[in-house]
PDB file of N, CA and C in Angstrom:
ATOM      1  N   MET A   1     128.078  -5.772 -67.592  1.00  0.00           N
ATOM      2  CA  MET A   1     127.754  -4.636 -68.337  1.00  0.00           C
ATOM      3  C   MET A   1     126.335  -4.678 -68.909  1.00  0.00           C
ATOM      4  N   ALA A   2     125.909  -5.874 -69.199  1.00  0.00           N
ATOM      5  CA  ALA A   2     124.557  -6.006 -69.743  1.00  0.00           C
ATOM      6  C   ALA A   2     123.513  -5.673 -68.733  1.00  0.00           C
ATOM      7  N   SER A   3     123.815  -5.806 -67.429  1.00  0.00           N
ATOM      8  CA  SER A   3     122.836  -5.553 -66.449  1.00  0.00           C
ATOM      9  C   SER A   3     122.540  -3.998 -66.325  1.00  0.00           C
ATOM     10  N   MET A   4     123.522  -3.135 -66.747  1.00  0.00           N
ATOM     11  CA  MET A   4     123.323  -1.687 -66.822  1.00  0.00           C
ATOM     12  C   MET A   4     122.275  -1.307 -67.830  1.00  0.00           C
ATOM     13  N   LEU A   5     122.155  -2.044 -68.891  1.00  0.00           N
ATOM     14  CA  LEU A   5     121.205  -1.732 -69.962  1.00  0.00           C
ATOM     15  C   LEU A   5     119.801  -2.109 -69.615  1.00  0.00           C
ATOM     16  N   MET A   6     119.646  -3.098 -68.690  1.00  0.00           N
ATOM     17  CA  MET A   6     118.321  -3.596 -68.396  1.00  0.00           C
ATOM     18  C   MET A   6     117.783  -2.843 -67.137  1.00  0.00           C
ATOM     19  N   PRO A   7     116.631  -2.227 -67.234  1.00  0.00           N
ATOM     20  CA  PRO A   7     116.108  -1.557 -66.077  1.00  0.00           C
ATOM     21  C   PRO A   7     115.714  -2.530 -65.007  1.00  0.00           C
ATOM     22  N   ASN A   8     115.851  -2.083 -63.719  1.00  0.00           N
ATOM     23  CA  ASN A   8     115.493  -3.018 -62.622  1.00  0.00           C
ATOM     24  C   ASN A   8     113.994  -2.982 -62.499  1.00  0.00           C
ATOM     25  N   GLN A   9     113.448  -3.855 -61.690  1.00  0.00           N
ATOM     26  CA  GLN A   9     111.989  -4.028 -61.520  1.00  0.00           C
ATOM     27  C   GLN A   9     111.380  -2.774 -60.960  1.00  0.00           C
ATOM     28  N   GLY A  10     112.063  -2.108 -60.050  1.00  0.00           N
ATOM     29  CA  GLY A  10     111.554  -0.805 -59.427  1.00  0.00           C
ATOM     30  C   GLY A  10     111.365   0.259 -60.434  1.00  0.00           C
ATOM     31  N   ALA A  11     112.314   0.439 -61.376  1.00  0.00           N
ATOM     32  CA  ALA A  11     112.209   1.406 -62.401  1.00  0.00           C
ATOM     33  C   ALA A  11     111.078   1.142 -63.363  1.00  0.00           C
ATOM     34  N   VAL A  12     110.925  -0.125 -63.654  1.00  0.00           N
ATOM     35  CA  VAL A  12     109.813  -0.522 -64.565  1.00  0.00           C
ATOM     36  C   VAL A  12     108.417  -0.263 -63.913  1.00  0.00           C
ATOM     37  N   MET A  13     108.321  -0.530 -62.606  1.00  0.00           N
ATOM     38  CA  MET A  13     107.052  -0.259 -61.881  1.00  0.00           C
ATOM     39  C   MET A  13     106.831   1.180 -61.753  1.00  0.00           C
ATOM     40  N   LEU A  14     107.877   1.972 -61.574  1.00  0.00           N
ATOM     41  CA  LEU A  14     107.704   3.388 -61.497  1.00  0.00           C
ATOM     42  C   LEU A  14     107.276   4.035 -62.830  1.00  0.00           C
ATOM     43  N   TRP A  15     107.906   3.513 -63.878  1.00  0.00           N
ATOM     44  CA  TRP A  15     107.479   3.981 -65.219  1.00  0.00           C
ATOM     45  C   TRP A  15     106.072   3.589 -65.550  1.00  0.00           C
ATOM     46  N   LEU A  16     105.631   2.410 -65.221  1.00  0.00           N
ATOM     47  CA  LEU A  16     104.272   1.991 -65.484  1.00  0.00           C
ATOM     48  C   LEU A  16     103.264   2.862 -64.657  1.00  0.00           C
ATOM     49  N   ALA A  17     103.620   3.221 -63.414  1.00  0.00           N
ATOM     50  CA  ALA A  17     102.796   4.063 -62.613  1.00  0.00           C
ATOM     51  C   ALA A  17     102.646   5.473 -63.203  1.00  0.00           C
ATOM     52  N   PHE A  18     103.803   6.023 -63.623  1.00  0.00           N
ATOM     53  CA  PHE A  18     103.748   7.346 -64.263  1.00  0.00           C
ATOM     54  C   PHE A  18     102.982   7.342 -65.594  1.00  0.00           C
ATOM     55  N   ARG A  19     103.135   6.281 -66.312  1.00  0.00           N
ATOM     56  CA  ARG A  19     102.468   6.192 -67.626  1.00  0.00           C
ATOM     57  C   ARG A  19     100.935   6.084 -67.410  1.00  0.00           C
ATOM     58  N   SER A  20     100.492   5.353 -66.394  1.00  0.00           N
ATOM     59  CA  SER A  20      99.035   5.162 -66.184  1.00  0.00           C
ATOM     60  C   SER A  20      98.522   6.475 -65.649  1.00  0.00           C
ATOM     61  N   MET A  21      99.262   7.232 -64.802  1.00  0.00           N
ATOM     62  CA  MET A  21      98.803   8.497 -64.398  1.00  0.00           C
ATOM     63  C   MET A  21      98.700   9.527 -65.574  1.00  0.00           C
ATOM     64  N   ALA A  22      99.602   9.442 -66.427  1.00  0.00           N
ATOM     65  CA  ALA A  22      99.586  10.328 -67.633  1.00  0.00           C
ATOM     66  C   ALA A  22      98.431   9.999 -68.565  1.00  0.00           C
ATOM     67  N   VAL A  23      98.106   8.745 -68.703  1.00  0.00           N
ATOM     68  CA  VAL A  23      96.932   8.310 -69.471  1.00  0.00           C
ATOM     69  C   VAL A  23      95.686   8.803 -68.824  1.00  0.00           C
ATOM     70  N   ASN A  24      95.572   8.640 -67.528  1.00  0.00           N
ATOM     71  CA  ASN A  24      94.391   9.052 -66.797  1.00  0.00           C
ATOM     72  C   ASN A  24      94.191  10.541 -66.854  1.00  0.00           C
ATOM     73  N   LEU A  25      95.313  11.283 -66.802  1.00  0.00           N
ATOM     74  CA  LEU A  25      95.269  12.763 -66.823  1.00  0.00           C
ATOM     75  C   LEU A  25      94.848  13.181 -68.219  1.00  0.00           C
ATOM     76  N   SER A  26      95.317  12.512 -69.305  1.00  0.00           N
ATOM     77  CA  SER A  26      94.965  12.950 -70.627  1.00  0.00           C
ATOM     78  C   SER A  26      93.477  12.625 -70.901  1.00  0.00           C
ATOM     79  N   ILE A  27      93.007  11.526 -70.380  1.00  0.00           N
ATOM     80  CA  ILE A  27      91.595  11.176 -70.549  1.00  0.00           C
ATOM     81  C   ILE A  27      90.726  12.227 -69.841  1.00  0.00           C
ATOM     82  N   ALA A  28      91.107  12.626 -68.648  1.00  0.00           N
ATOM     83  CA  ALA A  28      90.398  13.609 -67.913  1.00  0.00           C
ATOM     84  C   ALA A  28      90.375  14.963 -68.612  1.00  0.00           C
ATOM     85  N   LEU A  29      91.495  15.341 -69.223  1.00  0.00           N
ATOM     86  CA  LEU A  29      91.594  16.604 -69.982  1.00  0.00           C
ATOM     87  C   LEU A  29      90.673  16.580 -71.209  1.00  0.00           C
ATOM     88  N   VAL A  30      90.655  15.453 -71.846  1.00  0.00           N
ATOM     89  CA  VAL A  30      89.805  15.353 -73.114  1.00  0.00           C
ATOM     90  C   VAL A  30      88.296  15.463 -72.653  1.00  0.00           C
ATOM     91  N   GLN A  31      87.937  14.820 -71.568  1.00  0.00           N
ATOM     92  CA  GLN A  31      86.571  14.864 -71.082  1.00  0.00           C
ATOM     93  C   GLN A  31      86.155  16.281 -70.681  1.00  0.00           C
ATOM     94  N   SER A  32      87.103  17.005 -70.048  1.00  0.00           N
ATOM     95  CA  SER A  32      86.881  18.363 -69.661  1.00  0.00           C
ATOM     96  C   SER A  32      86.698  19.281 -70.831  1.00  0.00           C
ATOM     97  N   PHE A  33      87.526  19.052 -71.811  1.00  0.00           N
ATOM     98  CA  PHE A  33      87.463  19.786 -73.040  1.00  0.00           C
ATOM     99  C   PHE A  33      86.106  19.581 -73.729  1.00  0.00           C
ATOM    100  N   ARG A  34      85.637  18.377 -73.798  1.00  0.00           N
ATOM    101  CA  ARG A  34      84.423  18.065 -74.451  1.00  0.00           C
ATOM    102  C   ARG A  34      83.235  18.686 -73.714  1.00  0.00           C
ATOM    103  N   ARG A  35      83.265  18.701 -72.369  1.00  0.00           N
ATOM    104  CA  ARG A  35      82.243  19.372 -71.630  1.00  0.00           C
ATOM    105  C   ARG A  35      82.210  20.807 -71.887  1.00  0.00           C
ATOM    106  N   LEU A  36      83.410  21.467 -71.938  1.00  0.00           N
ATOM    107  CA  LEU A  36      83.480  22.855 -72.124  1.00  0.00           C
ATOM    108  C   LEU A  36      82.999  23.305 -73.512  1.00  0.00           C
ATOM    109  N   THR A  37      83.284  22.425 -74.498  1.00  0.00           N
ATOM    110  CA  THR A  37      83.009  22.788 -75.880  1.00  0.00           C
ATOM    111  C   THR A  37      81.733  22.085 -76.403  1.00  0.00           C
ATOM    112  N   ALA A  38      80.963  21.569 -75.448  1.00  0.00           N
ATOM    113  CA  ALA A  38      79.717  20.888 -75.851  1.00  0.00           C
ATOM    114  C   ALA A  38      78.811  21.859 -76.636  1.00  0.00           C
ATOM    115  N   HIS A  39      77.991  21.351 -77.475  1.00  0.00           N
ATOM    116  CA  HIS A  39      77.041  22.128 -78.276  1.00  0.00           C
ATOM    117  C   HIS A  39      76.094  22.816 -77.365  1.00  0.00           C
ATOM    118  N   LYS A  40      76.131  24.145 -77.405  1.00  0.00           N
ATOM    119  CA  LYS A  40      75.188  24.914 -76.602  1.00  0.00           C
ATOM    120  C   LYS A  40      74.269  25.648 -77.509  1.00  0.00           C
ATOM    121  N   GLN A  41      73.008  25.570 -77.246  1.00  0.00           N
ATOM    122  CA  GLN A  41      72.048  26.273 -78.101  1.00  0.00           C
ATOM    123  C   GLN A  41      71.970  27.691 -77.725  1.00  0.00           C
ATOM    124  N   HIS A  42      72.106  28.522 -78.742  1.00  0.00           N
ATOM    125  CA  HIS A  42      72.004  29.950 -78.529  1.00  0.00           C
ATOM    126  C   HIS A  42      70.662  30.377 -79.078  1.00  0.00           C
ATOM    127  N   PRO A  43      69.863  31.075 -78.299  1.00  0.00           N
ATOM    128  CA  PRO A  43      68.550  31.521 -78.794  1.00  0.00           C
ATOM    129  C   PRO A  43      68.723  32.423 -79.997  1.00  0.00           C
ATOM    130  N   GLY A  44      67.959  32.135 -80.990  1.00  0.00           N
ATOM    131  CA  GLY A  44      67.991  32.932 -82.248  1.00  0.00           C
ATOM    132  C   GLY A  44      69.129  32.559 -83.153  1.00  0.00           C
ATOM    133  N   ALA A  45      69.841  31.523 -82.937  1.00  0.00           N
ATOM    134  CA  ALA A  45      70.924  31.142 -83.837  1.00  0.00           C
ATOM    135  C   ALA A  45      70.268  30.520 -85.110  1.00  0.00           C
ATOM    136  N   ASP A  46      70.662  31.010 -86.228  1.00  0.00           N
ATOM    137  CA  ASP A  46      70.138  30.609 -87.522  1.00  0.00           C
ATOM    138  C   ASP A  46      71.232  29.910 -88.299  1.00  0.00           C
ATOM    139  N   ALA A  47      70.989  28.645 -88.621  1.00  0.00           N
ATOM    140  CA  ALA A  47      72.038  27.886 -89.347  1.00  0.00           C
ATOM    141  C   ALA A  47      72.366  28.398 -90.748  1.00  0.00           C
ATOM    142  N   GLU A  48      71.392  29.105 -91.387  1.00  0.00           N
ATOM    143  CA  GLU A  48      71.629  29.636 -92.697  1.00  0.00           C
ATOM    144  C   GLU A  48      72.528  30.834 -92.720  1.00  0.00           C
ATOM    145  N   THR A  49      72.594  31.536 -91.608  1.00  0.00           N
ATOM    146  CA  THR A  49      73.475  32.758 -91.662  1.00  0.00           C
ATOM    147  C   THR A  49      74.872  32.477 -91.128  1.00  0.00           C
ATOM    148  N   ILE A  50      75.136  31.292 -90.570  1.00  0.00           N
ATOM    149  CA  ILE A  50      76.463  31.065 -90.016  1.00  0.00           C
ATOM    150  C   ILE A  50      77.341  30.634 -91.164  1.00  0.00           C
ATOM    151  N   GLU A  51      78.612  31.167 -91.140  1.00  0.00           N
ATOM    152  CA  GLU A  51      79.552  30.855 -92.236  1.00  0.00           C
ATOM    153  C   GLU A  51      80.743  30.190 -91.595  1.00  0.00           C
ATOM    154  N   ALA A  52      81.400  29.328 -92.349  1.00  0.00           N
ATOM    155  CA  ALA A  52      82.640  28.671 -91.915  1.00  0.00           C
ATOM    156  C   ALA A  52      83.644  28.638 -93.019  1.00  0.00           C
ATOM    157  N   ARG A  53      84.901  28.957 -92.714  1.00  0.00           N
ATOM    158  CA  ARG A  53      85.959  28.987 -93.726  1.00  0.00           C
ATOM    159  C   ARG A  53      87.150  28.249 -93.123  1.00  0.00           C
ATOM    160  N   PHE A  54      87.852  27.589 -94.039  1.00  0.00           N
ATOM    161  CA  PHE A  54      89.118  26.882 -93.629  1.00  0.00           C
ATOM    162  C   PHE A  54      90.193  27.443 -94.637  1.00  0.00           C
ATOM    163  N   GLU A  55      91.069  28.249 -94.002  1.00  0.00           N
ATOM    164  CA  GLU A  55      92.188  28.787 -94.847  1.00  0.00           C
ATOM    165  C   GLU A  55      93.383  28.964 -93.929  1.00  0.00           C
ATOM    166  N   ASN A  56      94.533  28.676 -94.499  1.00  0.00           N
ATOM    167  CA  ASN A  56      95.799  28.780 -93.755  1.00  0.00           C
ATOM    168  C   ASN A  56      95.793  27.895 -92.520  1.00  0.00           C
ATOM    169  N   GLU A  57      95.251  26.692 -92.632  1.00  0.00           N
ATOM    170  CA  GLU A  57      95.157  25.723 -91.632  1.00  0.00           C
ATOM    171  C   GLU A  57      94.387  26.205 -90.396  1.00  0.00           C
ATOM    172  N   MET A  58      93.423  27.084 -90.613  1.00  0.00           N
ATOM    173  CA  MET A  58      92.699  27.670 -89.490  1.00  0.00           C
ATOM    174  C   MET A  58      91.194  27.683 -89.837  1.00  0.00           C
ATOM    175  N   LEU A  59      90.324  27.120 -89.013  1.00  0.00           N
ATOM    176  CA  LEU A  59      88.927  27.121 -89.236  1.00  0.00           C
ATOM    177  C   LEU A  59      88.291  28.337 -88.551  1.00  0.00           C
ATOM    178  N   THR A  60      87.597  29.176 -89.326  1.00  0.00           N
ATOM    179  CA  THR A  60      86.927  30.282 -88.754  1.00  0.00           C
ATOM    180  C   THR A  60      85.469  30.168 -88.935  1.00  0.00           C
ATOM    181  N   VAL A  61      84.718  30.323 -87.868  1.00  0.00           N
ATOM    182  CA  VAL A  61      83.228  30.230 -87.918  1.00  0.00           C
ATOM    183  C   VAL A  61      82.681  31.544 -87.592  1.00  0.00           C
ATOM    184  N   THR A  62      81.828  32.141 -88.412  1.00  0.00           N
ATOM    185  CA  THR A  62      81.326  33.463 -88.177  1.00  0.00           C
ATOM    186  C   THR A  62      79.808  33.432 -88.068  1.00  0.00           C
ATOM    187  N   GLU A  63      79.321  34.076 -87.106  1.00  0.00           N
ATOM    188  CA  GLU A  63      77.860  34.243 -86.914  1.00  0.00           C
ATOM    189  C   GLU A  63      77.580  35.745 -86.928  1.00  0.00           C
ATOM    190  N   PRO A  64      76.705  36.210 -87.798  1.00  0.00           N
ATOM    191  CA  PRO A  64      76.483  37.678 -87.804  1.00  0.00           C
ATOM    192  C   PRO A  64      75.920  38.180 -86.481  1.00  0.00           C
ATOM    193  N   LYS A  65      76.276  39.415 -86.182  1.00  0.00           N
ATOM    194  CA  LYS A  65      75.774  40.003 -84.878  1.00  0.00           C
ATOM    195  C   LYS A  65      74.304  40.328 -85.083  1.00  0.00           C
ATOM    196  N   LYS A  66      73.586  40.241 -83.984  1.00  0.00           N
ATOM    197  CA  LYS A  66      72.225  40.560 -84.021  1.00  0.00           C
ATOM    198  C   LYS A  66      72.087  42.074 -83.768  1.00  0.00           C
ATOM    199  N   PRO A  67      71.107  42.732 -84.332  1.00  0.00           N
ATOM    200  CA  PRO A  67      70.936  44.193 -84.058  1.00  0.00           C
ATOM    201  C   PRO A  67      70.749  44.422 -82.579  1.00  0.00           C
ATOM    202  N   ALA A  68      71.395  45.438 -82.115  1.00  0.00           N
ATOM    203  CA  ALA A  68      71.297  45.776 -80.710  1.00  0.00           C
ATOM    204  C   ALA A  68      69.889  46.301 -80.355  1.00  0.00           C
ATOM    205  N   VAL A  69      69.416  45.855 -79.268  1.00  0.00           N
ATOM    206  CA  VAL A  69      68.141  46.337 -78.780  1.00  0.00           C
ATOM    207  C   VAL A  69      68.311  47.702 -78.224  1.00  0.00           C
ATOM    208  N   GLN A  70      67.535  48.624 -78.660  1.00  0.00           N
ATOM    209  CA  GLN A  70      67.635  50.038 -78.230  1.00  0.00           C
ATOM    210  C   GLN A  70      67.069  50.145 -76.808  1.00  0.00           C
ATOM    211  N   LYS A  71      67.783  50.796 -75.952  1.00  0.00           N
ATOM    212  CA  LYS A  71      67.306  51.050 -74.601  1.00  0.00           C
ATOM    213  C   LYS A  71      66.285  52.176 -74.713  1.00  0.00           C
ATOM    214  N   PRO A  72      65.291  52.090 -73.851  1.00  0.00           N
ATOM    215  CA  PRO A  72      64.368  53.184 -73.842  1.00  0.00           C
ATOM    216  C   PRO A  72      64.971  54.552 -73.343  1.00  0.00           C
ATOM    217  N   GLN A  73      64.632  55.585 -73.979  1.00  0.00           N
ATOM    218  CA  GLN A  73      65.250  56.823 -73.602  1.00  0.00           C
ATOM    219  C   GLN A  73      64.724  57.317 -72.264  1.00  0.00           C
ATOM    220  N   LYS A  74      65.606  57.861 -71.481  1.00  0.00           N
ATOM    221  CA  LYS A  74      65.256  58.322 -70.161  1.00  0.00           C
ATOM    222  C   LYS A  74      64.781  59.771 -70.322  1.00  0.00           C
ATOM    223  N   LYS A  75      63.649  60.077 -69.734  1.00  0.00           N
ATOM    224  CA  LYS A  75      63.108  61.429 -69.771  1.00  0.00           C
ATOM    225  C   LYS A  75      63.373  62.022 -68.387  1.00  0.00           C
ATOM    226  N   ILE A  76      63.982  63.235 -68.400  1.00  0.00           N
ATOM    227  CA  ILE A  76      64.260  63.913 -67.214  1.00  0.00           C
ATOM    228  C   ILE A  76      63.499  65.208 -67.221  1.00  0.00           C
ATOM    229  N   LYS A  77      62.740  65.341 -66.155  1.00  0.00           N
ATOM    230  CA  LYS A  77      61.878  66.566 -66.062  1.00  0.00           C
ATOM    231  C   LYS A  77      62.688  67.677 -65.421  1.00  0.00           C
ATOM    232  N   ILE A  78      62.775  68.782 -66.065  1.00  0.00           N
ATOM    233  CA  ILE A  78      63.495  69.949 -65.637  1.00  0.00           C
ATOM    234  C   ILE A  78      62.604  71.063 -65.234  1.00  0.00           C
ATOM    235  N   ASN A  79      62.568  71.591 -64.015  1.00  0.00           N
ATOM    236  CA  ASN A  79      61.764  72.642 -63.608  1.00  0.00           C
ATOM    237  C   ASN A  79      62.538  73.918 -63.803  1.00  0.00           C
ATOM    238  N   ALA A  80      61.864  74.856 -64.492  1.00  0.00           N
ATOM    239  CA  ALA A  80      62.529  76.214 -64.754  1.00  0.00           C
ATOM    240  C   ALA A  80      62.184  77.070 -63.531  1.00  0.00           C
ATOM    241  N   ALA A  81      63.179  77.810 -63.107  1.00  0.00           N
ATOM    242  CA  ALA A  81      62.913  78.653 -62.004  1.00  0.00           C
ATOM    243  C   ALA A  81      62.438  79.993 -62.321  1.00  0.00           C
TER     244      ALA A  81
END
């Protein structure tokens, strides 16, 4: 009956293989996340205007919107008949 409680060598090797694949996968996911969320410089970003709040276990970072650049008005010439 004691032999039923002890895993056999094949099961141990299978477990170790799965565990190493899971560790490799988690490392790859962390590296991908770091690449995706790497600091990217935004032109015109001003550190003094950015606000950050931590409330209700949520971090909120706010950057004010820049004024929209007005598009040049299109002039349409109309010929009167």
